[in-house]
Every structure is written in structure tokens, then in C-alpha cells.
Protein backbone atom coordinates (compact mmCIF):
# COMPACT_ATOMS: atom_id res chain seq x y z
CA UNK A 1 -20.93 -2.08 17.37
CA UNK A 2 -23.38 -1.22 15.56
CA UNK A 3 -26.20 -2.90 14.35
CA UNK A 4 -24.19 -4.26 11.02
CA UNK A 5 -21.42 -5.58 13.40
CA UNK A 6 -24.34 -7.37 15.20
CA UNK A 7 -25.49 -9.01 12.23
CA UNK A 8 -23.10 -9.80 9.86
CA UNK A 9 -20.19 -9.38 12.21
CA UNK A 10 -17.19 -7.31 12.41
CA UNK A 11 -15.92 -6.27 9.18
CA UNK A 12 -12.48 -6.92 9.15
CA UNK A 13 -13.82 -10.54 8.59
CA UNK A 14 -16.82 -9.05 6.55
CA UNK A 15 -13.89 -8.12 4.33
CA UNK A 16 -11.97 -10.88 4.47
CA UNK A 17 -14.47 -13.30 3.63
CA UNK A 18 -15.64 -11.37 0.76
CA UNK A 19 -11.90 -10.37 -0.42
CA UNK A 20 -11.39 -14.35 -0.56
CA UNK A 21 -14.05 -14.83 -2.40
CA UNK A 22 -12.32 -13.42 -5.20
CA UNK A 23 -9.81 -16.61 -5.89
CA UNK A 24 -9.55 -15.09 -10.17
CA UNK A 25 -8.82 -11.63 -9.22
CA UNK A 26 -6.31 -12.17 -6.81
CA UNK A 27 -4.49 -15.49 -8.56
CA UNK A 28 -4.06 -12.69 -11.51
CA UNK A 29 -2.90 -10.09 -9.21
CA UNK A 30 -0.14 -12.16 -7.14
CA UNK A 31 0.75 -13.78 -10.72
CA UNK A 32 1.93 -10.44 -11.82
CA UNK A 33 3.95 -9.30 -9.31
CA UNK A 34 5.77 -12.71 -9.55
CA UNK A 35 6.13 -11.77 -12.81
CA UNK A 36 7.42 -8.87 -12.07
CA UNK A 37 10.45 -10.35 -9.75
CA UNK A 38 11.74 -12.93 -12.28
CA UNK A 39 14.43 -10.45 -14.22
CA UNK A 40 15.43 -9.78 -11.38
CA UNK A 41 15.86 -13.62 -9.93
CA UNK A 42 16.78 -15.03 -13.30
CA UNK A 43 19.49 -12.58 -13.16
CA UNK A 44 21.06 -12.92 -9.95
CA UNK A 45 21.12 -16.88 -10.55
CA UNK A 46 22.65 -16.43 -14.15
CA UNK A 47 25.71 -14.36 -12.55
CA UNK A 48 26.17 -16.42 -9.27
CA UNK A 49 25.99 -19.26 -11.53
CA UNK A 50 28.60 -18.99 -13.57
CA UNK A 51 30.89 -16.68 -11.10
CA UNK A 52 30.79 -20.45 -8.85
CA UNK A 53 31.55 -22.47 -11.85
CA UNK A 54 33.19 -26.01 -10.78
CA UNK A 55 35.68 -23.77 -8.35
CA UNK A 56 33.83 -24.28 -5.08
CA UNK A 57 32.63 -27.33 -3.05
CA UNK A 58 29.20 -28.22 -3.22
CA UNK A 59 27.33 -26.25 -0.50
CA UNK A 60 30.27 -24.10 0.77
CA UNK A 61 28.56 -20.70 -0.48
CA UNK A 62 24.83 -22.07 1.02
CA UNK A 63 25.21 -20.28 3.99
CA UNK A 64 27.33 -17.27 2.64
CA UNK A 65 29.93 -15.99 0.88
CA UNK A 66 33.05 -16.71 1.88
CA UNK A 67 35.77 -13.70 1.94
CA UNK A 68 38.10 -15.32 -1.26
CA UNK A 69 34.69 -15.36 -3.07
CA UNK A 70 33.43 -11.79 -2.62
CA UNK A 71 37.37 -10.61 -3.15
CA UNK A 72 37.57 -12.96 -6.48
CA UNK A 73 34.03 -11.47 -7.69
CA UNK A 74 34.15 -8.05 -6.47
CA UNK A 75 33.42 -6.54 -9.99
CA UNK A 76 31.34 -9.26 -11.00
CA UNK A 77 28.90 -8.39 -7.73
CA UNK A 78 29.15 -4.50 -8.12
CA UNK A 79 28.02 -4.90 -11.59
CA UNK A 80 25.58 -7.04 -10.78
CA UNK A 81 23.95 -4.73 -7.56
CA UNK A 82 23.66 -2.06 -10.12
CA UNK A 83 22.07 -3.88 -12.46
CA UNK A 84 19.27 -5.35 -9.73
CA UNK A 85 19.29 -2.05 -8.50
CA UNK A 86 17.31 -0.07 -11.52
CA UNK A 87 15.52 -3.36 -12.27
CA UNK A 88 13.91 -3.19 -8.75
CA UNK A 89 14.10 0.29 -9.36
CA UNK A 90 11.52 -0.56 -12.50
CA UNK A 91 9.36 -3.31 -10.77
CA UNK A 92 8.63 -0.88 -8.36
CA UNK A 93 7.61 1.29 -9.78
CA UNK A 94 5.01 -1.17 -11.86
CA UNK A 95 3.93 -2.79 -9.14
CA UNK A 96 2.73 0.62 -7.49
CA UNK A 97 0.93 1.14 -10.62
CA UNK A 98 -0.29 -1.94 -10.95
CA UNK A 99 -1.71 -1.31 -7.41
CA UNK A 100 -3.14 1.44 -8.68
CA UNK A 101 -5.00 -0.37 -11.36
CA UNK A 102 -6.26 -3.01 -8.87
CA UNK A 103 -7.39 -0.84 -6.11
CA UNK A 104 -9.89 0.78 -9.17
CA UNK A 105 -10.63 -2.90 -9.68
CA UNK A 106 -11.26 -4.14 -6.74
CA UNK A 107 -13.60 -0.87 -5.53
CA UNK A 108 -14.94 -1.63 -9.19
CA UNK A 109 -16.30 -5.35 -8.20
CA UNK A 110 -17.57 -5.05 -4.33
CA UNK A 111 -19.47 -1.92 -5.42
CA UNK A 112 -20.98 -3.91 -8.36
CA UNK A 113 -21.95 -7.31 -6.49
CA UNK A 114 -23.76 -8.45 -9.70
CA UNK A 115 -23.17 -12.78 -10.59
CA UNK A 116 -20.74 -13.77 -13.32
CA UNK A 117 -17.84 -11.13 -14.93
CA UNK A 118 -15.81 -10.50 -12.26
CA UNK A 119 -12.53 -10.09 -14.31
CA UNK A 120 -14.09 -8.03 -16.89
CA UNK A 121 -15.70 -5.54 -14.17
CA UNK A 122 -12.31 -5.96 -12.71
CA UNK A 123 -10.54 -4.62 -15.78
CA UNK A 124 -13.46 -1.82 -16.03
CA UNK A 125 -13.02 -0.36 -13.24
CA UNK A 126 -9.45 -0.20 -13.12
CA UNK A 127 -9.06 1.23 -16.19
CA UNK A 128 -11.98 3.99 -15.10
CA UNK A 129 -10.67 4.87 -12.25
CA UNK A 130 -6.65 4.50 -12.53
CA UNK A 131 -6.36 8.62 -13.41
CA UNK A 132 -7.79 9.95 -10.84
CA UNK A 133 -5.93 7.12 -8.35
CA UNK A 134 -2.80 8.33 -10.04
CA UNK A 135 -3.25 11.47 -8.52
CA UNK A 136 -4.54 10.27 -5.06
CA UNK A 137 -1.28 8.83 -5.17
CA UNK A 138 0.57 12.04 -6.21
CA UNK A 139 -1.23 13.14 -2.71
CA UNK A 140 0.03 10.15 -0.78
CA UNK A 141 3.91 10.88 -2.46
CA UNK A 142 3.84 14.62 -1.00
CA UNK A 143 1.99 13.71 2.22
CA UNK A 144 4.96 10.97 2.65
CA UNK A 145 7.30 13.59 1.67
CA UNK A 146 5.90 16.38 4.47
CA UNK A 147 6.06 13.40 7.38
CA UNK A 148 9.68 12.52 6.28
CA UNK A 149 10.76 16.48 6.64
CA UNK A 150 8.34 17.08 9.65
CA UNK A 151 9.28 13.36 11.95
CA UNK A 152 13.88 13.75 11.01
CA UNK A 153 13.73 17.20 10.20
CA UNK A 154 11.91 20.08 11.47
CA UNK A 155 9.72 20.59 13.20
CA UNK A 156 11.49 17.60 15.31
CA UNK A 157 14.47 19.77 15.80
CA UNK A 158 13.33 22.65 17.59
CA UNK A 159 10.35 21.39 19.30
CA UNK A 160 11.43 17.41 20.44
CA UNK A 161 14.92 18.11 21.03
CA UNK A 162 15.36 21.67 21.41
CA UNK A 163 12.34 22.37 23.71
CA UNK A 164 11.01 19.57 25.26
CA UNK A 165 14.74 16.94 25.55
CA UNK A 166 16.75 20.60 25.53
CA UNK A 167 19.45 18.74 23.33
CA UNK A 168 22.64 20.85 22.99
CA UNK A 169 23.59 21.84 19.78
CA UNK A 170 26.65 20.51 18.06
CA UNK A 171 28.27 21.14 15.49
CA UNK A 172 27.29 20.79 12.07
CA UNK A 173 30.37 19.80 10.34
CA UNK A 174 29.31 19.73 6.83
CA UNK A 175 25.59 18.37 6.97
CA UNK A 176 21.96 19.78 7.02
CA UNK A 177 20.02 19.49 10.26
CA UNK A 178 18.92 16.20 9.31
CA UNK A 179 18.83 12.54 10.84
CA UNK A 180 22.94 12.91 10.94
CA UNK A 181 22.83 15.77 12.80
CA UNK A 182 20.28 14.18 15.13
CA UNK A 183 22.67 11.11 15.74
CA UNK A 184 25.28 13.41 16.69
CA UNK A 185 23.19 14.99 19.17
CA UNK A 186 21.89 12.05 20.88
CA UNK A 187 25.53 11.24 21.47
CA UNK A 188 25.47 13.51 24.33
CA UNK A 189 23.38 12.26 25.99
CA UNK A 190 24.95 10.02 29.04
CA UNK A 191 22.47 6.97 28.70
CA UNK A 192 22.41 4.72 25.43
CA UNK A 193 19.10 3.71 26.18
CA UNK A 194 17.59 7.14 26.70
CA UNK A 195 18.70 7.83 23.48
CA UNK A 196 17.46 4.42 21.58
CA UNK A 197 14.10 5.20 23.59
CA UNK A 198 14.08 8.53 21.52
CA UNK A 199 15.06 7.02 17.84
CA UNK A 200 11.84 3.94 19.10
CA UNK A 201 9.43 6.78 19.18
CA UNK A 202 10.45 8.85 16.10
CA UNK A 203 10.69 6.09 14.02
CA UNK A 204 7.27 5.02 15.47
CA UNK A 205 5.70 7.99 15.30
CA UNK A 206 7.24 8.15 11.49
CA UNK A 207 5.73 4.84 10.61
CA UNK A 208 2.07 5.68 12.39
CA UNK A 209 1.67 8.69 10.10
CA UNK A 210 2.38 6.76 6.77
CA UNK A 211 -0.05 4.13 8.28
CA UNK A 212 -2.37 6.53 8.57
CA UNK A 213 -1.44 8.39 5.18
CA UNK A 214 -1.91 4.95 3.10
CA UNK A 215 -5.49 4.88 5.26
CA UNK A 216 -6.40 7.96 4.12
CA UNK A 217 -5.88 7.26 0.60
CA UNK A 218 -7.99 4.19 0.85
CA UNK A 219 -11.13 5.88 1.96
CA UNK A 220 -9.86 8.98 -0.41
CA UNK A 221 -10.42 6.22 -3.86
CA UNK A 222 -13.38 4.62 -2.22
CA UNK A 223 -15.27 8.13 -1.95
CA UNK A 224 -14.32 8.57 -5.71
CA UNK A 225 -15.88 5.15 -6.70
CA UNK A 226 -18.50 5.41 -4.42
CA UNK A 227 -19.50 9.32 -5.60
CA UNK A 228 -18.10 8.85 -9.18
CA UNK A 229 -16.04 12.28 -8.08
CA UNK A 230 -13.03 13.54 -10.39
CA UNK A 231 -11.77 15.81 -7.67
CA UNK A 232 -8.83 13.98 -5.96
CA UNK A 233 -8.32 17.04 -3.83
CA UNK A 234 -11.66 17.21 -2.63
CA UNK A 235 -12.42 13.82 -2.24
CA UNK A 236 -8.73 13.91 -0.10
CA UNK A 237 -10.26 16.94 2.41
CA UNK A 238 -13.66 15.61 2.63
CA UNK A 239 -12.09 11.84 3.47
CA UNK A 240 -9.90 14.03 6.08
CA UNK A 241 -12.84 15.40 7.74
CA UNK A 242 -14.57 12.56 7.89
CA UNK A 243 -12.00 10.40 9.26
CA UNK A 244 -11.74 12.83 12.41
CA UNK A 245 -15.43 12.60 12.78
CA UNK A 246 -15.08 8.75 13.43
CA UNK A 247 -11.64 7.70 13.73
CA UNK A 248 -12.56 4.91 15.70
CA UNK A 249 -15.23 3.45 12.92
CA UNK A 250 -13.16 4.20 10.08
CA UNK A 251 -9.33 3.30 11.60
CA UNK A 252 -10.54 0.29 13.40
CA UNK A 253 -11.33 -2.64 10.90
CA UNK A 254 -7.85 -1.18 8.79
CA UNK A 255 -5.76 -1.51 12.35
CA UNK A 256 -7.26 -5.34 12.49
CA UNK A 257 -6.46 -6.57 9.02
CA UNK A 258 -3.01 -4.98 9.37
CA UNK A 259 -2.77 -7.71 12.89
CA UNK A 260 -3.27 -10.36 10.36
CA UNK A 261 -1.21 -8.83 7.99
CA UNK A 262 1.69 -8.42 10.65
CA UNK A 263 0.51 -12.06 12.07
CA UNK A 264 0.99 -14.26 8.36
CA UNK A 265 4.11 -12.67 7.78
CA UNK A 266 5.87 -12.68 11.23
CA UNK A 267 4.63 -16.46 11.13
CA UNK A 268 5.56 -17.37 7.39
CA UNK A 269 9.12 -15.05 8.02
CA UNK A 270 9.96 -17.68 10.85
CA UNK A 271 9.31 -20.79 8.95
CA UNK A 272 10.99 -19.18 6.06
CA UNK A 273 13.90 -18.90 8.24
CA UNK A 274 13.87 -22.66 9.39
CA UNK A 275 14.41 -23.84 5.70
CA UNK A 276 16.74 -21.59 4.98
CA UNK A 277 18.76 -22.82 8.22
CA UNK A 278 18.23 -26.31 6.74
CA UNK A 279 19.91 -26.13 3.44
CA UNK A 280 23.06 -27.40 2.74
CA UNK A 281 24.77 -29.66 0.15
CA UNK A 282 22.62 -32.44 0.60
CA UNK A 283 19.30 -30.26 -0.13
CA UNK A 284 17.45 -31.03 -3.86
CA UNK A 285 15.25 -28.77 -5.68
CA UNK A 286 11.96 -29.54 -3.23
CA UNK A 287 13.45 -27.90 -0.36
CA UNK A 288 14.24 -24.39 -3.11
CA UNK A 289 10.25 -25.13 -4.33
CA UNK A 290 9.07 -24.76 -0.29
CA UNK A 291 10.78 -21.50 0.11
CA UNK A 292 9.24 -20.42 -2.75
CA UNK A 293 6.05 -21.28 -2.08
CA UNK A 294 5.50 -20.25 1.40
CA UNK A 295 7.15 -16.49 0.18
CA UNK A 296 4.09 -17.00 -2.91
CA UNK A 297 1.58 -17.98 -0.32
CA UNK A 298 2.34 -14.37 1.38
CA UNK A 299 2.13 -12.65 -1.68
CA UNK A 300 -1.40 -14.27 -2.35
CA UNK A 301 -2.15 -13.39 1.62
CA UNK A 302 -1.23 -9.63 1.25
CA UNK A 303 -3.28 -9.16 -2.28
CA UNK A 304 -6.17 -10.41 -0.59
CA UNK A 305 -5.72 -8.09 2.69
CA UNK A 306 -4.90 -5.34 -0.27
CA UNK A 307 -8.20 -6.11 -1.32
CA UNK A 308 -10.43 -6.58 2.08
CA UNK A 309 -9.32 -2.76 2.97
CA UNK A 310 -11.11 -1.35 -0.18
CA UNK A 311 -14.49 -3.83 1.14
CA UNK A 312 -13.88 -2.85 4.62
CA UNK A 313 -13.79 1.13 3.17
CA UNK A 314 -16.93 0.40 1.10
CA UNK A 315 -18.63 -1.15 4.47
CA UNK A 316 -17.73 1.86 6.52
CA UNK A 317 -18.26 4.67 4.36
CA UNK A 318 -21.48 3.44 3.44
CA UNK A 319 -22.58 3.77 7.26
CA UNK A 320 -20.71 7.63 7.66
CA UNK A 321 -20.83 9.57 4.22
CA UNK A 322 -23.89 9.84 2.79
CA UNK A 323 -25.30 10.41 -0.62
CA UNK A 324 -24.31 13.63 -2.63
CA UNK A 325 -27.13 15.28 -3.77
CA UNK A 326 -27.33 15.72 -7.95
CA UNK A 327 -29.62 17.95 -9.74
CA UNK A 328 -32.80 16.68 -11.25
CA UNK A 329 -32.39 16.64 -15.16
CA UNK A 330 -36.21 16.89 -14.91
CA UNK A 331 -36.68 19.24 -12.52
CA UNK A 332 -37.19 22.03 -15.40
CA UNK A 333 -39.65 20.25 -17.89
CA UNK A 334 -43.22 19.35 -18.04
CA UNK A 335 -45.05 15.56 -19.02
CA UNK A 336 -46.63 12.78 -17.45
CA UNK A 337 -44.72 10.53 -15.33
CA UNK A 338 -43.05 8.12 -17.00
CA UNK A 339 -43.51 9.22 -20.47
CA UNK A 340 -42.23 12.12 -22.54
CA UNK A 341 -40.54 15.13 -20.65
CA UNK A 342 -40.28 18.64 -22.09
CA UNK A 343 -38.17 21.02 -21.13
CA UNK A 344 -39.08 24.59 -20.02
CA UNK A 345 -37.28 27.09 -21.79
CA UNK A 346 -36.79 29.80 -19.31
CA UNK A 347 -36.71 33.68 -20.34
CA UNK A 348 -39.90 33.68 -22.76
CA UNK A 349 -43.12 33.97 -22.86
CA UNK A 350 -44.07 31.04 -24.74
CA UNK A 351 -42.77 27.22 -24.40
CA UNK A 352 -40.26 25.02 -26.35
CA UNK A 353 -40.82 21.29 -27.00
CA UNK A 354 -37.81 19.24 -27.77
CA UNK A 355 -38.79 16.70 -30.19
């Protein structure tokens, strides 16, 4: 444990405390995300409300949709699913852009701890760092594609399935090497539980690599903001080697924040499921309001943890990354300290004075 942690507690607790104190900021971010979900929710409500009408007993379809309803309204549900898919894709894209903007805002606020005007600094930071952070996002997309390819295609097929597990080759049946082909090879095993364990290891490896990639992105954005750098690729390479040199210090607070977030989601999911099971014909709008409240609380807490990750990245980066050397603008000049400075023009016999 570092002296910094001894004086002020673990980094993840410091980060959560700092994020919790920025109430206007996480409220704004959460409300924007809630607003993104409204078009899909309202469209779904209107479609099912008009399809149900007065043709069904009140409360008969709360638990699940009966077979007759599914068959009678197949066309309506098909059109709804298509429209919801398009709207959800647009909402997801906007949510990612908002997340990129919020990352710049949180870093600006946490780096400049001055009293007041936090909302103004948040929006300033979001605009200032947006395009640099978009480039980091593009690197994350490339990294995610590489991880997907490595874990579910090659080299998993050659190194694990063929060399390590020595699974027999099977006819491709018109499909290329990939998840479907791996499933066919796993079916050659005599023990179903062994096949399940292999799939769990594969999925777990994918989740671990994705978590490391997203953590790398947080530290890369933090380095860009801390050094006011412009090259996302160079910052990413430096961050990669920093994480290799200090794996425990860089990953420990992020892992603890992930544990906190997972516990919140698990608890909220249990409460949410219990409330849905108790819905019935006699349920009032208060039951639906409680479900909405729980879902909104999870969204708010997720945004707080999102902010805490950047505060943790700042605290860790300051302890493991030194300041960059910047050129001295007055190195080739003359003049008394604190007074006017006159640049020296090289290549001549006399000094040129800039007035």
C-alpha cells in the first residue's frame, strides 16, 4: 500500500467519494441517457396498448404473452421489433458518443479542482477532448475486433482446439472456422460438462481481455488529458507499457470498482425481478413507478462509477507517470528575471530585439 493510500484510504474509495460529490454532473448524464430510452419505451407501449385494446382480460398478459396473442399480432410485433432495432441502434450510438463526451468532462473537472462552475468545466472538457477521445474509441473498436477474432477464430482454433485439446477436425458444412465450427468440434467430446467448461473458459477469456482493453482506454484518455497530448496512438502505446510495468497498481482500483458495480447490478436485478413477479391485475401505477425508480437508480450509480474510474485513473497516473519535458520558450533569450525577454537570433553577429 502506498503512502497516498495510507493517508487517504484506498484509491477506489477516494474515487467514489469524489464522484458522489459531483451531484449535478451525474444527474445530467443520467437524465440524458434516460431521455435516449424514451422513444423506444413509448413506441413499445403504444404498439402493445393498441394491439391489446379491450380484447383481453385486464392483467391476463402481465406475466407473458399467450400463444393466441403472439399469432394474431405477429405482423405488428415484427414491425415493432424492426423499428425498435433501428431506434435502439441509434440510441446506442448516441450513448457511446455521450460517454466519450462525458469522459472528457469528468477528466476536466477532476484535473481542475476549483470551487464552483463544475458544470461549465464539464462541458468545456467534453468539447476540448472529444475528437481525441473519439480516436481512442476507434482504437478500442479495432482492439475489440482483434480480441473477437483471436478468441473465437484464430489462434484459438489452432493453439487450443487443435494443439492443446487435440479435437478432431470435422467437415465445415459450408461454414467457415468460427464459433459454429468450434461447437461442432466440441460435440465430438464424450463428456458434455468438459465441453461446457471449454466454452466457459473461452467466454471468460474474452470478457477478461475486453475488460483490460476498456481499462487501457480509460488510462489512455487520462494520459491524453494530463499531458494535453494529441496523438492517441502514442498515448495508447505508452499506456500499454505503463500497465505492463505496474499491473497491480493500475488494475487493482479498476477491479474493485468493477466488483462494486457488479454487486449493485446483482442486487438491483434481484429486487427488480421480485417486483416483476408480484405484478398482477391489482397492481397500480405505483408498482411500475417502483420498477422505474430501481432501474434509474442503477443507471445513476453506473454513471457515478464511470466517473470514479477516471478519478482513479488520475490518482494512479500521477503516481506512476512523470511529467513530460516541454521546451523552454525563453531558453534562447536574454533579459532580467521577471522582466522583458529578448530572443536571440542565431546565425548573425548581433542580437535582434523583438519589441
